């Protein structure tokens, strides 16, 4: 029986504003693409200050660092349908946010969208110096949840993160769109 449902943030609760920009404007062979990938791993692990993150994003996008929040993050719209599902699930389950992200930036986004309180727990990679798909990060999820792996459902938009969760026996849903998410939740007979 599912007791805890853990959601990824970027790509599920909100489209990943920078990831979308990179995919739309750069090619995998570009130096700036490589710079983004290498540095996103570092900032997700809390190795870079928010100031440094903005500097790097400025170098990649050509947007002045002072305008990065305004240009990309402040305008990022929530996936309102997912937020509604989370609110409904919260009536019967504990709901966690389990995300690779820069803590200061993610907490600012949660505040600006007024959704901090829809989560029972917020686990952000940079606060623990590890990121999905690191097995230690899933161990932290299990410890924080205080339930058996099979009592957790994890929803993420990246296959490698889903596969890493499955190793622990955690139930998973690969997020593609809201309809597929709803269909999967119904298949699992979850109340929402």
C-alpha atoms as a PDB file:
ATOM      1  CA  UNK A   1       0.000   0.000   0.000  1.00  0.00           C
ATOM      2  CA  UNK A   2       1.376   3.410  -1.004  1.00  0.00           C
ATOM      3  CA  UNK A   3       1.917   5.819   1.896  1.00  0.00           C
ATOM      4  CA  UNK A   4       4.333   8.380   0.415  1.00  0.00           C
ATOM      5  CA  UNK A   5       4.320   9.930  -3.056  1.00  0.00           C
ATOM      6  CA  UNK A   6       7.502  11.750  -4.079  1.00  0.00           C
ATOM      7  CA  UNK A   7       7.457  14.201  -6.990  1.00  0.00           C
ATOM      8  CA  UNK A   8      10.359  15.560  -8.973  1.00  0.00           C
ATOM      9  CA  UNK A   9      10.149  19.327  -9.548  1.00  0.00           C
ATOM     10  CA  UNK A  10      11.613  20.464 -12.886  1.00  0.00           C
ATOM     11  CA  UNK A  11       9.900  18.626 -15.710  1.00  0.00           C
ATOM     12  CA  UNK A  12       6.963  17.506 -13.528  1.00  0.00           C
ATOM     13  CA  UNK A  13       5.624  20.240 -11.226  1.00  0.00           C
ATOM     14  CA  UNK A  14       7.072  22.942 -13.458  1.00  0.00           C
ATOM     15  CA  UNK A  15       8.686  22.767 -16.892  1.00  0.00           C
ATOM     16  CA  UNK A  16      12.446  23.088 -16.422  1.00  0.00           C
ATOM     17  CA  UNK A  17      12.901  26.702 -17.596  1.00  0.00           C
ATOM     18  CA  UNK A  18      16.646  26.507 -18.246  1.00  0.00           C
ATOM     19  CA  UNK A  19      16.572  22.945 -19.572  1.00  0.00           C
ATOM     20  CA  UNK A  20      13.885  23.986 -22.058  1.00  0.00           C
ATOM     21  CA  UNK A  21      15.925  27.002 -23.153  1.00  0.00           C
ATOM     22  CA  UNK A  22      19.047  24.869 -23.613  1.00  0.00           C
ATOM     23  CA  UNK A  23      17.137  22.243 -25.644  1.00  0.00           C
ATOM     24  CA  UNK A  24      15.538  24.921 -27.824  1.00  0.00           C
ATOM     25  CA  UNK A  25      18.655  27.024 -28.408  1.00  0.00           C
ATOM     26  CA  UNK A  26      21.702  24.760 -28.251  1.00  0.00           C
ATOM     27  CA  UNK A  27      22.826  21.492 -29.785  1.00  0.00           C
ATOM     28  CA  UNK A  28      24.428  18.644 -27.862  1.00  0.00           C
ATOM     29  CA  UNK A  29      27.715  19.287 -29.686  1.00  0.00           C
ATOM     30  CA  UNK A  30      27.845  22.968 -28.635  1.00  0.00           C
ATOM     31  CA  UNK A  31      30.386  23.999 -26.010  1.00  0.00           C
ATOM     32  CA  UNK A  32      27.674  25.858 -24.106  1.00  0.00           C
ATOM     33  CA  UNK A  33      25.504  22.696 -24.003  1.00  0.00           C
ATOM     34  CA  UNK A  34      28.424  20.822 -22.467  1.00  0.00           C
ATOM     35  CA  UNK A  35      29.054  23.685 -20.051  1.00  0.00           C
ATOM     36  CA  UNK A  36      25.396  23.566 -18.968  1.00  0.00           C
ATOM     37  CA  UNK A  37      25.420  19.795 -18.381  1.00  0.00           C
ATOM     38  CA  UNK A  38      28.717  19.815 -16.465  1.00  0.00           C
ATOM     39  CA  UNK A  39      27.729  22.749 -14.284  1.00  0.00           C
ATOM     40  CA  UNK A  40      24.158  21.599 -13.645  1.00  0.00           C
ATOM     41  CA  UNK A  41      25.625  18.480 -12.040  1.00  0.00           C
ATOM     42  CA  UNK A  42      27.773  20.711  -9.841  1.00  0.00           C
ATOM     43  CA  UNK A  43      25.044  23.139  -8.776  1.00  0.00           C
ATOM     44  CA  UNK A  44      22.620  20.274  -8.137  1.00  0.00           C
ATOM     45  CA  UNK A  45      25.198  18.940  -5.664  1.00  0.00           C
ATOM     46  CA  UNK A  46      25.531  22.313  -3.946  1.00  0.00           C
ATOM     47  CA  UNK A  47      29.064  22.909  -5.204  1.00  0.00           C
ATOM     48  CA  UNK A  48      28.273  26.384  -6.607  1.00  0.00           C
ATOM     49  CA  UNK A  49      26.741  29.465  -5.009  1.00  0.00           C
ATOM     50  CA  UNK A  50      23.548  30.893  -6.496  1.00  0.00           C
ATOM     51  CA  UNK A  51      25.605  33.909  -7.600  1.00  0.00           C
ATOM     52  CA  UNK A  52      27.968  31.593  -9.517  1.00  0.00           C
ATOM     53  CA  UNK A  53      25.006  29.691 -11.005  1.00  0.00           C
ATOM     54  CA  UNK A  54      23.611  32.974 -12.353  1.00  0.00           C
ATOM     55  CA  UNK A  55      27.047  33.881 -13.770  1.00  0.00           C
ATOM     56  CA  UNK A  56      27.294  30.557 -15.609  1.00  0.00           C
ATOM     57  CA  UNK A  57      23.721  30.805 -16.908  1.00  0.00           C
ATOM     58  CA  UNK A  58      24.533  34.318 -18.094  1.00  0.00           C
ATOM     59  CA  UNK A  59      27.583  33.014 -20.010  1.00  0.00           C
ATOM     60  CA  UNK A  60      25.446  30.269 -21.588  1.00  0.00           C
ATOM     61  CA  UNK A  61      22.422  32.405 -22.525  1.00  0.00           C
ATOM     62  CA  UNK A  62      23.941  35.831 -23.082  1.00  0.00           C
ATOM     63  CA  UNK A  63      21.415  37.296 -20.609  1.00  0.00           C
ATOM     64  CA  UNK A  64      22.978  39.501 -17.871  1.00  0.00           C
ATOM     65  CA  UNK A  65      23.215  37.589 -14.580  1.00  0.00           C
ATOM     66  CA  UNK A  66      21.034  40.183 -12.826  1.00  0.00           C
ATOM     67  CA  UNK A  67      18.210  39.286 -15.229  1.00  0.00           C
ATOM     68  CA  UNK A  68      18.379  35.472 -15.038  1.00  0.00           C
ATOM     69  CA  UNK A  69      15.703  35.136 -12.313  1.00  0.00           C
ATOM     70  CA  UNK A  70      13.358  37.549 -14.071  1.00  0.00           C
ATOM     71  CA  UNK A  71      13.918  36.186 -17.580  1.00  0.00           C
ATOM     72  CA  UNK A  72      13.705  32.457 -16.834  1.00  0.00           C
ATOM     73  CA  UNK A  73      12.438  31.606 -13.381  1.00  0.00           C
ATOM     74  CA  UNK A  74       9.948  34.277 -12.328  1.00  0.00           C
ATOM     75  CA  UNK A  75       7.943  33.649 -15.511  1.00  0.00           C
ATOM     76  CA  UNK A  76       8.047  29.855 -15.263  1.00  0.00           C
ATOM     77  CA  UNK A  77       4.483  28.648 -14.969  1.00  0.00           C
ATOM     78  CA  UNK A  78       3.468  25.763 -12.790  1.00  0.00           C
ATOM     79  CA  UNK A  79       1.919  22.684 -14.281  1.00  0.00           C
ATOM     80  CA  UNK A  80      -1.386  23.559 -12.565  1.00  0.00           C
ATOM     81  CA  UNK A  81      -2.894  20.144 -13.323  1.00  0.00           C
ATOM     82  CA  UNK A  82      -0.035  18.430 -11.504  1.00  0.00           C
ATOM     83  CA  UNK A  83      -0.377  20.831  -8.564  1.00  0.00           C
ATOM     84  CA  UNK A  84      -4.095  19.963  -8.343  1.00  0.00           C
ATOM     85  CA  UNK A  85      -3.262  16.243  -8.361  1.00  0.00           C
ATOM     86  CA  UNK A  86      -0.728  16.813  -5.556  1.00  0.00           C
ATOM     87  CA  UNK A  87      -3.290  18.699  -3.460  1.00  0.00           C
ATOM     88  CA  UNK A  88      -5.805  15.871  -3.884  1.00  0.00           C
ATOM     89  CA  UNK A  89      -3.228  13.165  -3.139  1.00  0.00           C
ATOM     90  CA  UNK A  90      -2.186  15.015   0.020  1.00  0.00           C
ATOM     91  CA  UNK A  91      -5.579  14.196   1.561  1.00  0.00           C
ATOM     92  CA  UNK A  92      -4.648  10.494   1.739  1.00  0.00           C
ATOM     93  CA  UNK A  93      -0.861  10.296   1.404  1.00  0.00           C
ATOM     94  CA  UNK A  94       2.275  12.091   2.493  1.00  0.00           C
ATOM     95  CA  UNK A  95       3.586  14.073  -0.474  1.00  0.00           C
ATOM     96  CA  UNK A  96       7.289  14.802  -0.863  1.00  0.00           C
ATOM     97  CA  UNK A  97       9.259  16.965  -3.250  1.00  0.00           C
ATOM     98  CA  UNK A  98      12.394  15.012  -4.244  1.00  0.00           C
ATOM     99  CA  UNK A  99      14.419  17.104  -6.649  1.00  0.00           C
ATOM    100  CA  UNK A 100      17.801  17.837  -8.173  1.00  0.00           C
ATOM    101  CA  UNK A 101      18.042  21.611  -7.931  1.00  0.00           C
ATOM    102  CA  UNK A 102      19.811  24.618  -6.434  1.00  0.00           C
ATOM    103  CA  UNK A 103      18.174  24.891  -3.014  1.00  0.00           C
ATOM    104  CA  UNK A 104      18.027  28.672  -2.755  1.00  0.00           C
ATOM    105  CA  UNK A 105      16.514  28.940  -6.223  1.00  0.00           C
ATOM    106  CA  UNK A 106      13.992  26.129  -5.751  1.00  0.00           C
ATOM    107  CA  UNK A 107      12.815  27.431  -2.379  1.00  0.00           C
ATOM    108  CA  UNK A 108      12.370  30.882  -3.955  1.00  0.00           C
ATOM    109  CA  UNK A 109      10.297  29.309  -6.755  1.00  0.00           C
ATOM    110  CA  UNK A 110       8.146  27.386  -4.270  1.00  0.00           C
ATOM    111  CA  UNK A 111       7.536  30.601  -2.313  1.00  0.00           C
ATOM    112  CA  UNK A 112       6.758  32.697  -5.390  1.00  0.00           C
ATOM    113  CA  UNK A 113       4.235  30.089  -6.563  1.00  0.00           C
ATOM    114  CA  UNK A 114       2.881  29.700  -3.000  1.00  0.00           C
ATOM    115  CA  UNK A 115       3.180  25.897  -3.048  1.00  0.00           C
ATOM    116  CA  UNK A 116       5.742  25.232  -0.319  1.00  0.00           C
ATOM    117  CA  UNK A 117       3.032  23.965   2.015  1.00  0.00           C
ATOM    118  CA  UNK A 118       1.590  21.378  -0.386  1.00  0.00           C
ATOM    119  CA  UNK A 119       4.600  19.177   0.373  1.00  0.00           C
ATOM    120  CA  UNK A 120       5.042  17.305   3.653  1.00  0.00           C
ATOM    121  CA  UNK A 121       8.805  17.076   3.041  1.00  0.00           C
ATOM    122  CA  UNK A 122      11.125  18.878   0.639  1.00  0.00           C
ATOM    123  CA  UNK A 123      14.345  17.058  -0.244  1.00  0.00           C
ATOM    124  CA  UNK A 124      16.630  19.096  -2.508  1.00  0.00           C
ATOM    125  CA  UNK A 125      19.852  17.615  -3.855  1.00  0.00           C
ATOM    126  CA  UNK A 126      22.093  20.633  -3.245  1.00  0.00           C
ATOM    127  CA  UNK A 127      21.250  20.591   0.479  1.00  0.00           C
ATOM    128  CA  UNK A 128      22.671  17.057   0.773  1.00  0.00           C
ATOM    129  CA  UNK A 129      25.577  17.308  -1.709  1.00  0.00           C
ATOM    130  CA  UNK A 130      24.224  14.445  -3.826  1.00  0.00           C
ATOM    131  CA  UNK A 131      21.768  14.102  -6.669  1.00  0.00           C
ATOM    132  CA  UNK A 132      19.617  11.574  -8.466  1.00  0.00           C
ATOM    133  CA  UNK A 133      20.466   8.961  -9.639  1.00  0.00           C
ATOM    134  CA  UNK A 134      23.007   8.547  -6.779  1.00  0.00           C
ATOM    135  CA  UNK A 135      21.791   5.571  -4.683  1.00  0.00           C
ATOM    136  CA  UNK A 136      22.626   7.476  -1.482  1.00  0.00           C
ATOM    137  CA  UNK A 137      20.027  10.092  -2.401  1.00  0.00           C
ATOM    138  CA  UNK A 138      17.334   7.389  -2.626  1.00  0.00           C
ATOM    139  CA  UNK A 139      18.498   6.005   0.724  1.00  0.00           C
ATOM    140  CA  UNK A 140      17.900   9.502   2.132  1.00  0.00           C
ATOM    141  CA  UNK A 141      14.377   9.458   0.650  1.00  0.00           C
ATOM    142  CA  UNK A 142      13.685   6.104   2.316  1.00  0.00           C
ATOM    143  CA  UNK A 143      15.065   7.262   5.657  1.00  0.00           C
ATOM    144  CA  UNK A 144      13.089  10.529   5.549  1.00  0.00           C
ATOM    145  CA  UNK A 145       9.880   8.750   4.510  1.00  0.00           C
ATOM    146  CA  UNK A 146      10.219   6.195   7.308  1.00  0.00           C
ATOM    147  CA  UNK A 147       8.307   3.591   5.317  1.00  0.00           C
ATOM    148  CA  UNK A 148       9.226   0.536   3.250  1.00  0.00           C
ATOM    149  CA  UNK A 149      10.403   1.101  -0.323  1.00  0.00           C
ATOM    150  CA  UNK A 150       7.287  -0.577  -1.719  1.00  0.00           C
ATOM    151  CA  UNK A 151       5.157   1.981   0.170  1.00  0.00           C
ATOM    152  CA  UNK A 152       6.666   4.862  -1.847  1.00  0.00           C
ATOM    153  CA  UNK A 153       5.648   6.041  -5.301  1.00  0.00           C
ATOM    154  CA  UNK A 154       8.221   8.213  -7.105  1.00  0.00           C
ATOM    155  CA  UNK A 155       7.268  10.353 -10.123  1.00  0.00           C
ATOM    156  CA  UNK A 156      10.046  11.760 -12.321  1.00  0.00           C
ATOM    157  CA  UNK A 157      10.483  12.762 -15.966  1.00  0.00           C
ATOM    158  CA  UNK A 158      13.926  11.166 -16.395  1.00  0.00           C
ATOM    159  CA  UNK A 159      14.258   7.467 -17.107  1.00  0.00           C
ATOM    160  CA  UNK A 160      17.647   7.144 -15.352  1.00  0.00           C
ATOM    161  CA  UNK A 161      16.126   8.473 -12.118  1.00  0.00           C
ATOM    162  CA  UNK A 162      13.203   6.062 -12.402  1.00  0.00           C
ATOM    163  CA  UNK A 163      15.575   3.116 -12.967  1.00  0.00           C
ATOM    164  CA  UNK A 164      17.649   4.087  -9.923  1.00  0.00           C
ATOM    165  CA  UNK A 165      14.513   4.127  -7.742  1.00  0.00           C
ATOM    166  CA  UNK A 166      13.407   0.714  -9.017  1.00  0.00           C
ATOM    167  CA  UNK A 167      16.668  -0.811  -7.729  1.00  0.00           C
ATOM    168  CA  UNK A 168      15.402  -0.047  -4.198  1.00  0.00           C
ATOM    169  CA  UNK A 169      11.957  -1.514  -4.882  1.00  0.00           C
ATOM    170  CA  UNK A 170      10.347   1.935  -4.988  1.00  0.00           C
ATOM    171  CA  UNK A 171       7.236   2.143  -7.185  1.00  0.00           C
ATOM    172  CA  UNK A 172       7.695   4.551 -10.077  1.00  0.00           C
ATOM    173  CA  UNK A 173       5.863   6.487 -12.754  1.00  0.00           C
ATOM    174  CA  UNK A 174       7.760   8.070 -15.624  1.00  0.00           C
ATOM    175  CA  UNK A 175       6.100  11.456 -16.110  1.00  0.00           C
ATOM    176  CA  UNK A 176       5.217  12.224 -19.717  1.00  0.00           C
ATOM    177  CA  UNK A 177       2.036  14.259 -19.380  1.00  0.00           C
ATOM    178  CA  UNK A 178      -0.883  14.795 -16.999  1.00  0.00           C
ATOM    179  CA  UNK A 179      -3.215  12.300 -18.685  1.00  0.00           C
ATOM    180  CA  UNK A 180      -0.638   9.508 -18.466  1.00  0.00           C
ATOM    181  CA  UNK A 181       0.041  10.403 -14.825  1.00  0.00           C
ATOM    182  CA  UNK A 182      -3.675  10.235 -13.975  1.00  0.00           C
ATOM    183  CA  UNK A 183      -4.001   6.917 -15.834  1.00  0.00           C
ATOM    184  CA  UNK A 184      -1.061   5.472 -13.881  1.00  0.00           C
ATOM    185  CA  UNK A 185      -2.431   6.680 -10.540  1.00  0.00           C
ATOM    186  CA  UNK A 186      -5.810   5.098 -11.345  1.00  0.00           C
ATOM    187  CA  UNK A 187      -4.110   1.837 -12.348  1.00  0.00           C
ATOM    188  CA  UNK A 188      -2.392   1.829  -8.956  1.00  0.00           C
ATOM    189  CA  UNK A 189      -5.819   2.470  -7.366  1.00  0.00           C
ATOM    190  CA  UNK A 190      -4.633   5.610  -5.613  1.00  0.00           C
ATOM    191  CA  UNK A 191      -7.221   8.059  -4.270  1.00  0.00           C
ATOM    192  CA  UNK A 192      -7.011  11.535  -5.752  1.00  0.00           C
END
